[in-house]
Amino acid sequence: MALPKYKTSRANTHSRRANWKASAAQTVTCPNCGAPTLPHVACPSCGSFRGRVYRDAIQSAHTK
């Protein structure tokens, strides 16, 4: 495995790490209630996903 011959300067390190930016999670609007929710996940406010309602599963997970 290769080892660096010289110490990497702060300028090079900071310029390399400048591209590591955090991005906000993409959200979609729920077609049932209109609340923002993550894609491919049941809506946390109404519990619907692809026309089905999973409200019982969400309530039991939050009450524990």
N, C-alpha and C. Protein backbone atom coordinates (compact mmCIF):
# COMPACT_ATOMS: atom_id res chain seq x y z
N MET A 1 0.84 -1.17 0.00
CA MET A 1 0.00 0.00 0.00
C MET A 1 0.89 1.24 0.00
N ALA A 2 0.57 2.20 -0.85
CA ALA A 2 1.40 3.39 -0.98
C ALA A 2 1.19 4.34 0.18
N LEU A 3 2.28 4.99 0.59
CA LEU A 3 2.22 5.99 1.65
C LEU A 3 2.56 7.35 1.06
N PRO A 4 1.95 8.41 1.60
CA PRO A 4 2.29 9.74 1.07
C PRO A 4 3.71 10.13 1.46
N LYS A 5 4.43 10.72 0.53
CA LYS A 5 5.80 11.13 0.80
C LYS A 5 5.85 12.44 1.58
N TYR A 6 4.86 13.32 1.35
CA TYR A 6 4.84 14.61 2.02
C TYR A 6 3.49 14.85 2.69
N LYS A 7 3.48 15.74 3.65
CA LYS A 7 2.24 16.11 4.35
C LYS A 7 1.35 16.91 3.41
N THR A 8 0.07 16.60 3.39
CA THR A 8 -0.87 17.36 2.58
C THR A 8 -1.17 18.68 3.26
N SER A 9 -1.07 19.77 2.52
CA SER A 9 -1.27 21.09 3.09
C SER A 9 -2.73 21.31 3.46
N ARG A 10 -2.96 22.30 4.31
CA ARG A 10 -4.33 22.61 4.72
C ARG A 10 -5.17 23.10 3.55
N ALA A 11 -4.56 23.85 2.66
CA ALA A 11 -5.30 24.37 1.50
C ALA A 11 -5.79 23.23 0.61
N ASN A 12 -4.92 22.25 0.38
CA ASN A 12 -5.34 21.11 -0.44
C ASN A 12 -6.39 20.28 0.27
N THR A 13 -6.24 20.11 1.57
CA THR A 13 -7.22 19.33 2.33
C THR A 13 -8.57 20.02 2.32
N HIS A 14 -8.58 21.34 2.56
CA HIS A 14 -9.85 22.06 2.62
C HIS A 14 -10.51 22.13 1.24
N SER A 15 -9.72 22.29 0.20
CA SER A 15 -10.32 22.35 -1.13
C SER A 15 -10.88 20.99 -1.54
N ARG A 16 -10.26 19.91 -1.10
CA ARG A 16 -10.78 18.59 -1.39
C ARG A 16 -12.06 18.32 -0.62
N ARG A 17 -12.09 18.74 0.66
CA ARG A 17 -13.27 18.50 1.49
C ARG A 17 -14.40 19.48 1.21
N ALA A 18 -14.16 20.50 0.39
CA ALA A 18 -15.20 21.48 0.09
C ALA A 18 -16.34 20.86 -0.71
N ASN A 19 -16.07 19.74 -1.38
CA ASN A 19 -17.11 19.10 -2.18
C ASN A 19 -17.99 18.18 -1.37
N TRP A 20 -17.66 17.93 -0.10
CA TRP A 20 -18.47 17.07 0.75
C TRP A 20 -19.53 17.91 1.44
N LYS A 21 -20.62 18.16 0.76
CA LYS A 21 -21.69 18.98 1.30
C LYS A 21 -22.89 18.11 1.63
N ALA A 22 -23.52 18.41 2.73
CA ALA A 22 -24.74 17.71 3.09
C ALA A 22 -25.90 18.32 2.32
N SER A 23 -26.80 17.48 1.85
CA SER A 23 -27.98 17.97 1.13
C SER A 23 -29.23 17.54 1.88
N ALA A 24 -30.25 18.35 1.77
CA ALA A 24 -31.51 18.06 2.43
C ALA A 24 -32.20 16.89 1.75
N ALA A 25 -32.94 16.12 2.53
CA ALA A 25 -33.65 14.97 1.97
C ALA A 25 -34.78 15.46 1.07
N GLN A 26 -34.95 14.79 -0.06
CA GLN A 26 -36.00 15.15 -0.99
C GLN A 26 -37.35 14.70 -0.44
N THR A 27 -38.34 15.57 -0.51
CA THR A 27 -39.67 15.24 -0.03
C THR A 27 -40.67 15.36 -1.16
N VAL A 28 -41.76 14.63 -1.03
CA VAL A 28 -42.88 14.70 -1.96
C VAL A 28 -44.13 15.01 -1.15
N THR A 29 -45.15 15.52 -1.80
CA THR A 29 -46.40 15.80 -1.10
C THR A 29 -47.28 14.56 -1.11
N CYS A 30 -47.92 14.31 0.00
CA CYS A 30 -48.81 13.16 0.12
C CYS A 30 -50.07 13.43 -0.71
N PRO A 31 -50.47 12.50 -1.58
CA PRO A 31 -51.69 12.74 -2.37
C PRO A 31 -52.96 12.69 -1.52
N ASN A 32 -52.88 12.10 -0.34
CA ASN A 32 -54.06 11.97 0.51
C ASN A 32 -54.29 13.22 1.35
N CYS A 33 -53.24 13.70 2.05
CA CYS A 33 -53.41 14.84 2.95
C CYS A 33 -52.61 16.06 2.53
N GLY A 34 -51.64 15.93 1.64
CA GLY A 34 -50.86 17.07 1.18
C GLY A 34 -49.67 17.41 2.04
N ALA A 35 -49.37 16.61 3.05
CA ALA A 35 -48.23 16.87 3.92
C ALA A 35 -46.94 16.42 3.24
N PRO A 36 -45.82 17.07 3.51
CA PRO A 36 -44.55 16.61 2.94
C PRO A 36 -44.10 15.31 3.61
N THR A 37 -43.65 14.38 2.80
CA THR A 37 -43.20 13.08 3.30
C THR A 37 -42.06 12.56 2.44
N LEU A 38 -41.32 11.61 2.94
CA LEU A 38 -40.24 11.02 2.18
C LEU A 38 -40.81 10.11 1.09
N PRO A 39 -40.16 10.02 -0.07
CA PRO A 39 -40.66 9.12 -1.11
C PRO A 39 -40.48 7.66 -0.72
N HIS A 40 -41.40 6.84 -1.15
CA HIS A 40 -41.40 5.39 -0.92
C HIS A 40 -41.59 5.05 0.56
N VAL A 41 -42.17 5.95 1.34
CA VAL A 41 -42.40 5.74 2.78
C VAL A 41 -43.83 6.16 3.06
N ALA A 42 -44.49 5.47 3.98
CA ALA A 42 -45.85 5.85 4.37
C ALA A 42 -45.85 7.24 4.99
N CYS A 43 -46.91 8.00 4.77
CA CYS A 43 -47.02 9.37 5.27
C CYS A 43 -47.11 9.34 6.80
N PRO A 44 -46.28 10.12 7.50
CA PRO A 44 -46.33 10.10 8.96
C PRO A 44 -47.57 10.78 9.54
N SER A 45 -48.22 11.65 8.78
CA SER A 45 -49.38 12.35 9.34
C SER A 45 -50.68 11.58 9.13
N CYS A 46 -50.88 11.00 7.94
CA CYS A 46 -52.15 10.29 7.71
C CYS A 46 -51.96 8.78 7.62
N GLY A 47 -50.74 8.29 7.37
CA GLY A 47 -50.49 6.86 7.35
C GLY A 47 -50.80 6.17 6.04
N SER A 48 -51.00 6.92 4.96
CA SER A 48 -51.33 6.29 3.69
C SER A 48 -50.09 6.13 2.82
N PHE A 49 -50.09 5.08 2.01
CA PHE A 49 -49.01 4.82 1.07
C PHE A 49 -49.57 4.03 -0.08
N ARG A 50 -49.50 4.58 -1.28
CA ARG A 50 -50.01 3.95 -2.51
C ARG A 50 -51.46 3.53 -2.39
N GLY A 51 -52.28 4.38 -1.82
CA GLY A 51 -53.70 4.12 -1.74
C GLY A 51 -54.14 3.30 -0.55
N ARG A 52 -53.22 2.72 0.18
CA ARG A 52 -53.57 1.96 1.38
C ARG A 52 -53.29 2.80 2.61
N VAL A 53 -53.99 2.50 3.69
CA VAL A 53 -53.80 3.24 4.94
C VAL A 53 -53.13 2.30 5.93
N TYR A 54 -51.98 2.71 6.43
CA TYR A 54 -51.21 1.94 7.40
C TYR A 54 -51.19 2.66 8.74
N ARG A 55 -52.29 3.24 9.12
CA ARG A 55 -52.36 4.06 10.33
C ARG A 55 -52.12 3.22 11.58
N ASP A 56 -52.62 2.00 11.65
CA ASP A 56 -52.44 1.16 12.83
C ASP A 56 -50.97 0.83 13.07
N ALA A 57 -50.22 0.56 12.01
CA ALA A 57 -48.81 0.23 12.13
C ALA A 57 -48.02 1.44 12.63
N ILE A 58 -48.37 2.62 12.15
CA ILE A 58 -47.66 3.84 12.58
C ILE A 58 -47.98 4.16 14.03
N GLN A 59 -49.25 4.03 14.44
CA GLN A 59 -49.61 4.36 15.81
C GLN A 59 -48.97 3.40 16.80
N SER A 60 -48.91 2.13 16.46
CA SER A 60 -48.33 1.18 17.40
C SER A 60 -46.82 1.39 17.53
N ALA A 61 -46.16 1.84 16.48
CA ALA A 61 -44.72 2.08 16.55
C ALA A 61 -44.41 3.31 17.40
N HIS A 62 -45.28 4.33 17.35
CA HIS A 62 -45.01 5.56 18.10
C HIS A 62 -45.44 5.46 19.56
N THR A 63 -46.37 4.58 19.89
CA THR A 63 -46.86 4.51 21.27
C THR A 63 -45.93 3.73 22.16
N LYS A 64 -45.01 2.95 21.58
CA LYS A 64 -44.09 2.16 22.41
C LYS A 64 -43.06 3.00 23.07
